[in-house]
Protein backbone atom coordinates (compact mmCIF):
# COMPACT_ATOMS: atom_id res chain seq x y z
CA UNK A 1 20.00 135.90 104.85
CA UNK A 2 22.39 136.87 101.37
CA UNK A 3 21.97 134.72 98.41
CA UNK A 4 23.71 131.12 98.51
CA UNK A 5 23.72 131.60 102.44
CA UNK A 6 22.44 127.67 103.51
CA UNK A 7 24.99 126.76 100.90
CA UNK A 8 28.12 128.32 102.47
CA UNK A 9 26.96 126.75 105.44
CA UNK A 10 27.05 123.23 104.63
CA UNK A 11 30.29 123.80 103.55
CA UNK A 12 31.12 125.31 107.12
CA UNK A 13 29.74 121.98 108.34
CA UNK A 14 31.87 120.21 106.41
CA UNK A 15 34.90 122.25 106.85
CA UNK A 16 33.97 121.33 110.94
CA UNK A 17 33.67 117.59 110.18
CA UNK A 18 37.24 116.93 107.66
CA UNK A 19 39.54 119.90 108.16
CA UNK A 20 39.05 120.63 111.50
CA UNK A 21 39.89 117.23 112.36
CA UNK A 22 42.35 116.18 109.08
CA UNK A 23 45.24 118.53 109.30
CA UNK A 24 46.80 121.09 111.91
CA UNK A 25 46.44 123.77 113.15
CA UNK A 26 48.66 125.71 111.63
CA UNK A 27 48.29 124.45 108.39
CA UNK A 28 44.27 125.28 108.57
CA UNK A 29 44.66 128.32 110.12
CA UNK A 30 44.62 130.67 106.97
CA UNK A 31 41.95 128.25 104.54
CA UNK A 32 39.65 128.54 107.46
CA UNK A 33 40.04 132.18 107.90
CA UNK A 34 39.03 132.56 104.51
CA UNK A 35 36.48 129.74 104.79
CA UNK A 36 34.57 132.48 107.32
CA UNK A 37 35.11 135.17 105.47
CA UNK A 38 32.61 133.37 103.15
CA UNK A 39 30.13 131.86 105.33
CA UNK A 40 29.77 135.27 106.98
CA UNK A 41 30.19 138.61 104.98
CA UNK A 42 27.26 140.68 106.93
CA UNK A 43 25.32 141.06 110.24
CA UNK A 44 24.55 138.17 112.18
CA UNK A 45 21.54 137.52 111.40
CA UNK A 46 18.12 136.42 113.57
CA UNK A 47 15.85 134.95 111.09
CA UNK A 48 18.38 131.71 110.44
CA UNK A 49 16.27 128.92 108.83
CA UNK A 50 17.16 126.16 111.24
CA UNK A 51 18.03 128.83 114.16
CA UNK A 52 18.93 132.46 114.81
CA UNK A 53 22.42 132.35 114.52
CA UNK A 54 22.06 129.30 111.68
CA UNK A 55 25.38 128.74 109.80
CA UNK A 56 26.91 131.46 112.10
CA UNK A 57 30.79 129.68 112.92
CA UNK A 58 32.09 129.94 116.14
CA UNK A 59 34.15 129.05 118.74
CA UNK A 60 34.14 127.57 122.94
CA UNK A 61 36.09 128.75 125.89
CA UNK A 62 37.38 125.57 126.72
CA UNK A 63 35.71 125.61 130.20
CA UNK A 64 32.73 124.82 128.78
CA UNK A 65 31.95 120.79 128.24
CA UNK A 66 30.90 119.92 125.19
CA UNK A 67 29.89 116.81 124.00
CA UNK A 68 31.98 114.69 121.82
CA UNK A 69 35.05 117.43 122.72
CA UNK A 70 37.46 117.66 124.50
CA UNK A 71 36.68 119.51 127.35
CA UNK A 72 39.68 120.05 129.89
CA UNK A 73 39.38 123.67 131.47
CA UNK A 74 43.28 123.52 130.63
CA UNK A 75 43.57 120.80 133.84
CA UNK A 76 46.14 119.00 133.56
CA UNK A 77 43.87 115.73 135.38
CA UNK A 78 40.94 116.55 132.80
CA UNK A 79 43.25 116.58 129.51
CA UNK A 80 41.67 113.61 127.65
CA UNK A 81 37.98 114.70 129.52
CA UNK A 82 35.43 113.95 126.54
CA UNK A 83 31.75 114.73 128.00
CA UNK A 84 28.88 112.87 126.95
CA UNK A 85 26.50 116.16 127.50
CA UNK A 86 26.10 119.80 126.76
CA UNK A 87 26.94 122.33 129.31
CA UNK A 88 23.24 124.22 129.11
CA UNK A 89 25.03 127.18 127.04
CA UNK A 90 26.28 125.30 124.62
CA UNK A 91 23.25 123.72 124.28
CA UNK A 92 20.73 126.77 123.75
CA UNK A 93 24.44 127.84 120.91
CA UNK A 94 23.83 124.36 119.31
CA UNK A 95 20.11 124.95 119.58
CA UNK A 96 20.45 128.91 117.66
CA UNK A 97 21.94 126.91 114.20
CA UNK A 98 26.13 127.85 114.98
CA UNK A 99 28.77 125.90 114.05
CA UNK A 100 30.83 125.13 116.55
CA UNK A 101 34.06 124.87 114.65
CA UNK A 102 36.31 124.13 118.27
CA UNK A 103 37.49 125.40 121.61
CA UNK A 104 39.46 127.95 123.12
CA UNK A 105 42.64 128.18 124.72
CA UNK A 106 42.37 129.74 128.49
CA UNK A 107 44.41 130.34 131.06
CA UNK A 108 44.27 126.56 133.52
CA UNK A 109 40.99 126.40 135.58
CA UNK A 110 40.53 130.03 134.11
CA UNK A 111 42.47 131.51 136.95
CA UNK A 112 44.32 133.78 136.08
CA UNK A 113 44.68 137.08 133.45
CA UNK A 114 46.93 135.99 130.76
CA UNK A 115 46.34 132.72 129.14
CA UNK A 116 48.71 130.20 129.52
CA UNK A 117 47.44 126.93 129.39
CA UNK A 118 49.51 123.19 130.88
CA UNK A 119 47.65 121.74 128.64
CA UNK A 120 47.80 123.17 125.25
CA UNK A 121 50.76 126.13 125.89
CA UNK A 122 50.55 129.95 125.84
CA UNK A 123 47.46 131.52 123.77
CA UNK A 124 49.77 134.97 122.01
CA UNK A 125 48.65 138.26 121.07
CA UNK A 126 47.98 138.73 117.53
CA UNK A 127 49.23 142.95 117.87
CA UNK A 128 52.57 141.65 118.67
CA UNK A 129 53.13 137.88 119.73
CA UNK A 130 55.26 138.70 122.75
CA UNK A 131 52.55 139.93 124.81
CA UNK A 132 49.48 138.61 126.53
CA UNK A 133 46.10 137.84 124.65
CA UNK A 134 44.79 138.47 127.93
CA UNK A 135 43.33 136.61 130.52
CA UNK A 136 41.55 133.49 130.63
CA UNK A 137 39.60 134.05 127.59
CA UNK A 138 42.60 134.98 126.02
CA UNK A 139 42.18 132.06 122.71
CA UNK A 140 39.09 133.25 122.22
CA UNK A 141 39.36 136.99 121.52
CA UNK A 142 42.36 136.01 119.60
CA UNK A 143 39.86 133.76 117.72
CA UNK A 144 37.63 136.44 117.16
CA UNK A 145 39.81 139.51 116.22
CA UNK A 146 41.98 137.03 113.78
CA UNK A 147 38.96 136.37 111.81
CA UNK A 148 38.92 132.56 112.67
CA UNK A 149 35.62 132.34 115.10
CA UNK A 150 32.91 135.17 114.23
CA UNK A 151 31.91 134.46 118.14
CA UNK A 152 33.52 132.83 121.24
CA UNK A 153 31.29 131.77 123.88
CA UNK A 154 33.43 133.09 127.13
CA UNK A 155 32.67 133.30 131.16
CA UNK A 156 33.61 136.04 133.20
CA UNK A 157 34.48 135.99 136.82
CA UNK A 158 36.88 138.84 137.60
CA UNK A 159 37.54 140.27 134.17
CA UNK A 160 38.27 136.81 131.78
CA UNK A 161 36.09 138.19 129.13
CA UNK A 162 36.73 141.79 129.30
CA UNK A 163 40.17 142.19 129.61
CA UNK A 164 41.00 139.79 126.90
CA UNK A 165 38.53 142.01 125.05
CA UNK A 166 40.26 145.34 124.98
CA UNK A 167 44.08 143.46 124.83
CA UNK A 168 43.45 142.10 122.23
CA UNK A 169 40.89 145.33 120.34
CA UNK A 170 37.43 143.50 120.17
CA UNK A 171 33.49 143.46 121.82
CA UNK A 172 32.41 141.78 124.70
CA UNK A 173 29.88 141.32 127.03
CA UNK A 174 29.40 139.89 131.24
CA UNK A 175 26.32 139.37 131.72
CA UNK A 176 24.50 139.66 135.21
CA UNK A 177 25.13 136.67 137.24
CA UNK A 178 22.04 135.06 136.72
CA UNK A 179 20.90 135.71 133.31
CA UNK A 180 22.39 132.64 131.65
CA UNK A 181 22.56 129.05 132.95
CA UNK A 182 26.18 128.23 134.42
CA UNK A 183 25.51 124.07 134.28
CA UNK A 184 28.36 122.02 132.85
CA UNK A 185 30.88 125.33 133.29
CA UNK A 186 35.02 123.26 134.34
CA UNK A 187 34.78 125.14 137.64
CA UNK A 188 33.12 124.11 139.66
CA UNK A 189 34.72 119.85 139.18
CA UNK A 190 32.37 117.12 140.41
CA UNK A 191 29.76 118.92 141.10
CA UNK A 192 30.76 121.26 143.32
CA UNK A 193 29.06 125.19 144.47
CA UNK A 194 28.12 127.74 142.17
CA UNK A 195 31.48 130.08 142.13
CA UNK A 196 30.24 133.28 143.14
CA UNK A 197 30.37 135.85 140.31
CA UNK A 198 30.54 133.79 137.84
CA UNK A 199 29.13 135.52 134.06
CA UNK A 200 28.42 133.89 131.02
CA UNK A 201 29.17 136.49 127.98
CA UNK A 202 30.88 136.26 124.21
CA UNK A 203 33.28 137.58 122.88
CA UNK A 204 32.21 139.11 119.31
CA UNK A 205 34.05 141.40 116.65
CA UNK A 206 31.68 143.84 117.12
CA UNK A 207 28.09 145.11 119.00
CA UNK A 208 25.80 144.26 116.15
CA UNK A 209 27.29 140.66 116.32
CA UNK A 210 27.05 141.34 120.16
CA UNK A 211 23.69 142.17 119.78
CA UNK A 212 22.33 139.78 117.56
CA UNK A 213 24.23 136.81 119.91
CA UNK A 214 22.52 138.11 122.83
CA UNK A 215 19.47 138.03 121.27
CA UNK A 216 19.48 134.19 120.03
CA UNK A 217 20.83 133.23 123.49
CA UNK A 218 18.67 134.98 125.65
CA UNK A 219 14.83 135.01 124.32
CA UNK A 220 15.71 139.22 124.37
CA UNK A 221 14.89 140.69 121.25
CA UNK A 222 17.43 143.26 120.56
CA UNK A 223 16.44 147.41 120.94
CA UNK A 224 17.39 150.12 119.40
CA UNK A 225 19.64 152.49 120.25
CA UNK A 226 18.57 155.66 122.82
CA UNK A 227 17.95 158.86 121.31
CA UNK A 228 19.11 162.35 122.25
CA UNK A 229 21.88 163.63 124.27
CA UNK A 230 23.75 160.52 125.77
CA UNK A 231 24.44 160.90 130.08
CA UNK A 232 27.11 159.95 131.16
CA UNK A 233 28.92 158.77 134.64
CA UNK A 234 33.02 158.92 134.31
CA UNK A 235 33.76 155.71 137.25
CA UNK A 236 36.15 157.78 139.67
CA UNK A 237 38.20 157.12 142.96
CA UNK A 238 40.33 154.29 141.57
CA UNK A 239 43.89 154.52 143.48
CA UNK A 240 46.16 153.26 140.34
CA UNK A 241 48.18 154.64 138.46
CA UNK A 242 47.09 154.33 134.62
CA UNK A 243 49.61 153.70 132.06
CA UNK A 244 49.75 156.56 129.02
CA UNK A 245 48.35 154.34 126.53
CA UNK A 246 45.19 153.48 128.85
CA UNK A 247 45.58 157.29 129.62
CA UNK A 248 46.00 158.90 126.39
CA UNK A 249 42.63 156.37 125.22
CA UNK A 250 40.31 157.27 127.91
CA UNK A 251 41.14 160.77 126.89
CA UNK A 252 39.78 160.21 122.93
CA UNK A 253 36.99 158.58 124.26
CA UNK A 254 35.66 161.40 126.36
CA UNK A 255 36.25 164.10 124.34
CA UNK A 256 34.73 161.76 121.40
CA UNK A 257 31.58 161.73 122.99
CA UNK A 258 31.74 165.19 123.91
CA UNK A 259 31.63 165.84 120.35
CA UNK A 260 28.36 163.90 119.52
CA UNK A 261 26.61 165.86 122.53
CA UNK A 262 27.81 163.73 125.34
CA UNK A 263 27.39 165.33 128.92
CA UNK A 264 29.71 163.37 130.86
CA UNK A 265 30.19 163.78 134.84
CA UNK A 266 32.09 162.20 137.62
CA UNK A 267 31.06 159.26 139.01
CA UNK A 268 32.70 158.30 142.43
CA UNK A 269 33.60 154.87 143.50
CA UNK A 270 34.86 153.80 146.53
CA UNK A 271 36.99 150.60 145.46
CA UNK A 272 38.54 150.29 148.63
CA UNK A 273 35.22 149.14 149.93
CA UNK A 274 34.20 147.38 146.23
CA UNK A 275 37.72 145.17 146.80
CA UNK A 276 37.60 144.23 150.50
CA UNK A 277 34.45 143.24 149.18
CA UNK A 278 34.95 140.92 146.40
CA UNK A 279 38.06 139.43 147.52
CA UNK A 280 36.13 138.38 151.09
CA UNK A 281 33.32 136.52 149.33
CA UNK A 282 35.10 135.77 146.29
CA UNK A 283 37.86 133.64 148.40
CA UNK A 284 34.71 132.39 151.71
CA UNK A 285 33.84 129.24 150.62
CA UNK A 286 37.45 127.46 150.95
CA UNK A 287 38.09 129.05 153.91
CA UNK A 288 36.31 126.38 155.93
CA UNK A 289 38.46 123.26 154.13
CA UNK A 290 41.48 125.01 155.32
CA UNK A 291 43.41 123.93 158.56
CA UNK A 292 43.90 126.39 161.71
CA UNK A 293 47.96 127.32 160.96
CA UNK A 294 47.08 127.63 156.82
CA UNK A 295 45.06 130.19 157.85
CA UNK A 296 47.25 131.78 159.72
CA UNK A 297 49.74 131.90 157.64
CA UNK A 298 46.82 133.33 155.65
CA UNK A 299 46.25 136.38 157.82
CA UNK A 300 50.34 136.55 158.43
CA UNK A 301 51.23 137.24 154.24
CA UNK A 302 47.84 140.49 154.11
CA UNK A 303 49.17 142.03 157.63
CA UNK A 304 52.65 141.96 154.66
CA UNK A 305 50.85 143.81 151.94
CA UNK A 306 49.49 147.12 152.79
CA UNK A 307 49.97 148.14 149.46
CA UNK A 308 48.72 145.57 148.10
CA UNK A 309 44.66 146.07 149.34
CA UNK A 310 42.58 143.98 146.20
CA UNK A 311 45.53 140.70 147.35
CA UNK A 312 45.28 141.48 151.19
CA UNK A 313 41.45 140.87 150.65
CA UNK A 314 41.66 138.17 148.89
CA UNK A 315 43.86 136.60 151.15
CA UNK A 316 41.84 137.61 154.63
CA UNK A 317 39.42 135.94 152.62
CA UNK A 318 40.71 132.62 152.12
CA UNK A 319 41.84 132.69 155.91
CA UNK A 320 38.09 133.26 157.24
CA UNK A 321 38.14 136.97 158.46
CA UNK A 322 36.22 139.22 156.30
CA UNK A 323 32.75 137.07 155.78
CA UNK A 324 30.60 140.07 157.30
CA UNK A 325 32.26 143.19 155.92
CA UNK A 326 32.73 141.66 152.12
CA UNK A 327 28.56 141.64 152.34
CA UNK A 328 28.29 144.98 153.66
CA UNK A 329 30.81 145.95 151.05
CA UNK A 330 29.34 144.46 148.66
CA UNK A 331 25.82 146.23 149.42
CA UNK A 332 27.69 149.13 150.12
CA UNK A 333 29.18 149.03 146.21
CA UNK A 334 26.08 148.25 144.34
CA UNK A 335 24.13 150.99 146.86
CA UNK A 336 26.74 153.26 145.17
CA UNK A 337 26.54 152.15 141.47
CA UNK A 338 22.75 151.85 141.20
CA UNK A 339 22.89 155.85 142.80
CA UNK A 340 25.66 156.87 139.80
CA UNK A 341 22.78 155.29 137.18
CA UNK A 342 19.92 156.47 137.94
CA UNK A 343 20.57 159.96 136.99
CA UNK A 344 23.06 158.77 133.99
CA UNK A 345 22.47 156.16 131.01
CA UNK A 346 25.35 154.19 131.47
CA UNK A 347 29.09 154.27 133.85
CA UNK A 348 32.13 153.82 131.74
CA UNK A 349 36.00 152.76 133.09
CA UNK A 350 38.56 151.57 132.02
CA UNK A 351 39.30 148.24 131.45
CA UNK A 352 42.53 147.43 133.42
CA UNK A 353 45.44 149.85 134.67
CA UNK A 354 47.62 148.86 131.78
CA UNK A 355 47.27 148.01 128.66
CA UNK A 356 48.90 144.07 127.03
CA UNK A 357 52.16 143.52 128.64
CA UNK A 358 54.95 140.51 128.15
CA UNK A 359 53.87 136.80 129.50
CA UNK A 360 55.33 136.83 132.45
CA UNK A 361 56.08 133.44 134.17
CA UNK A 362 54.12 132.37 137.31
CA UNK A 363 56.12 133.36 139.99
CA UNK A 364 58.70 131.59 141.63
CA UNK A 365 57.20 130.95 144.88
CA UNK A 366 53.96 130.24 145.88
CA UNK A 367 51.99 133.21 146.99
CA UNK A 368 54.46 135.42 145.50
CA UNK A 369 53.62 138.88 143.86
CA UNK A 370 54.53 140.43 140.30
CA UNK A 371 53.70 143.92 139.26
CA UNK A 372 53.46 145.62 135.79
CA UNK A 373 55.18 148.94 133.88
CA UNK A 374 52.76 151.38 133.58
CA UNK A 375 54.50 154.60 132.80
CA UNK A 376 56.29 155.71 135.44
CA UNK A 377 55.13 153.02 137.76
CA UNK A 378 55.00 149.55 139.05
CA UNK A 379 51.46 148.84 139.70
CA UNK A 380 51.21 145.14 141.75
CA UNK A 381 49.99 141.83 139.24
CA UNK A 382 46.50 141.66 141.09
CA UNK A 383 45.39 145.69 141.05
CA UNK A 384 46.90 146.32 137.75
CA UNK A 385 44.41 143.60 135.34
CA UNK A 386 41.37 142.44 137.55
CA UNK A 387 40.90 146.60 139.58
CA UNK A 388 38.39 147.84 137.63
CA UNK A 389 36.80 144.46 136.36
CA UNK A 390 36.08 143.60 139.58
CA UNK A 391 33.95 145.91 141.17
CA UNK A 392 31.30 145.40 138.75
CA UNK A 393 32.02 141.55 139.09
CA UNK A 394 30.92 142.17 143.17
CA UNK A 395 27.98 144.13 141.41
CA UNK A 396 25.98 141.84 139.29
CA UNK A 397 25.73 144.91 136.59
CA UNK A 398 25.67 144.08 133.03
CA UNK A 399 29.57 145.50 131.25
CA UNK A 400 30.54 145.69 127.66
CA UNK A 401 33.60 146.10 126.28
CA UNK A 402 34.57 147.61 123.09
CA UNK A 403 37.63 148.90 121.88
CA UNK A 404 38.86 152.28 121.82
CA UNK A 405 41.87 152.83 119.04
CA UNK A 406 44.96 152.00 118.86
CA UNK A 407 48.10 153.92 121.01
CA UNK A 408 51.43 153.41 119.84
CA UNK A 409 50.20 150.46 117.91
CA UNK A 410 47.99 148.17 121.39
CA UNK A 411 45.13 148.01 121.76
CA UNK A 412 42.78 150.02 124.14
CA UNK A 413 39.23 148.84 125.91
CA UNK A 414 36.99 150.40 127.46
CA UNK A 415 34.39 149.09 130.14
CA UNK A 416 30.44 149.81 129.17
CA UNK A 417 28.07 149.64 132.68
CA UNK A 418 24.85 149.45 132.73
CA UNK A 419 21.68 149.39 134.87
CA UNK A 420 21.16 145.18 136.90
CA UNK A 421 18.68 143.69 134.27
CA UNK A 422 19.04 145.63 131.24
CA UNK A 423 21.71 143.87 129.06
CA UNK A 424 19.23 144.84 125.76
CA UNK A 425 19.53 148.45 126.73
CA UNK A 426 23.13 148.24 127.73
CA UNK A 427 24.25 146.11 124.70
CA UNK A 428 21.86 149.24 122.09
CA UNK A 429 23.71 151.86 124.00
CA UNK A 430 26.59 150.21 123.16
CA UNK A 431 26.47 150.45 119.48
CA UNK A 432 25.56 154.10 119.47
CA UNK A 433 29.44 154.97 121.28
CA UNK A 434 30.57 152.52 118.47
CA UNK A 435 29.26 154.50 115.87
CA UNK A 436 30.74 157.47 117.88
CA UNK A 437 34.87 155.41 117.49
CA UNK A 438 34.11 154.57 114.26
CA UNK A 439 33.72 158.08 113.18
CA UNK A 440 37.56 158.01 114.30
CA UNK A 441 38.32 155.06 112.60
CA UNK A 442 38.18 151.79 111.08
CA UNK A 443 37.31 148.60 113.46
CA UNK A 444 40.05 147.89 114.62
CA UNK A 445 39.10 144.01 114.02
CA UNK A 446 38.98 145.20 110.59
CA UNK A 447 42.41 147.15 111.24
CA UNK A 448 44.48 143.45 112.36
CA UNK A 449 43.11 141.61 109.05
CA UNK A 450 44.23 144.56 106.69
CA UNK A 451 48.12 145.08 108.76
CA UNK A 452 47.59 140.80 109.16
CA UNK A 453 46.07 138.96 107.15
CA UNK A 454 47.87 136.35 105.17
CA UNK A 455 47.33 137.21 101.46
CA UNK A 456 45.38 134.87 99.28
CA UNK A 457 47.97 133.26 96.61
């Protein structure tokens, strides 16, 4: 720790107790951002005097119950919910010595890849306020890139960490589904059954912080980056057009890695099978609670969506049609990914087919489908946003998202997929890839702060 860090950490605790509760957010944000810059001038450490993240200012996605703080999951019936106990991961965060500054915004019950909260309003993308920061963890990604938080504790079901990180230009980890204890996460509500594919994770500004955070919260020590030439699989097979920004970013990433000596090879993946598996299993638990006529209506809606395969699979899963087929699809997807990882160090994939887009209001009628422009094409909302993320939610492989570059003024991210159970190895490899990218452009969080941060008076 740097000299004087203990005193600055104490100052952060005073800020947490007084500043955050005494002034409205609009008034306190510039002062708080400057305070955080003082408190955390160096990379996160793992040997603090009162825990591995001693004094580090962090935020918590409002889907985690937090003792003494409103914990709403952006769900109006929980507007005044103040739990007596911390969620398991929040307790772990406190035990690490971190200073919890507050909660961050999300979509209602983590249910959208935008960040429109009926409790707290719409979160804005820091690069362009007319655009979404992604969801459901949009508030956390915005907090990290703007310097309001050094780490945001989040969760990921279909891309809830990965999409905001890509849209805002920061780093994220979706751990495997069994790495973290998700007790105290909302949803589920009222002690309901565990949600399939729900994983813990967090957003940080870079992979160095990611490594320190994972070591602190998981108890698994960081490992060094791999030596020698990297062997990387480039995921192919998605029946989705990419927007021009995403296409350009993927080209740059592969070119920069090749300059560093990395060898890339195609890694075909049957996305249609993965989508059937995810859609069928994520909705299957709700199917028994529907009436017969409702299930029939869902089947008819699915038949009317032949060009929207992920949406169609989710409708059929909710109608109770796909359970056995979905389980087979999951095993097929896991086997295919594992086979590619036998001959590569990791797989690379876009995060989404599009970059951050203009805020889209909810559809006027239930179950209506929206679309998002991707160059000359329009891609259905569900596929454009989660089409590249849900295969790795389905399979349970850990994923790190790194920002590649700014393309025409907006960040574009990259998924790096590692072997199941090897989060530490994946983070170390991501650190090496990030170092390659950093030789071609400054870190995106630095670029944002240089471009947008208010000057000190």
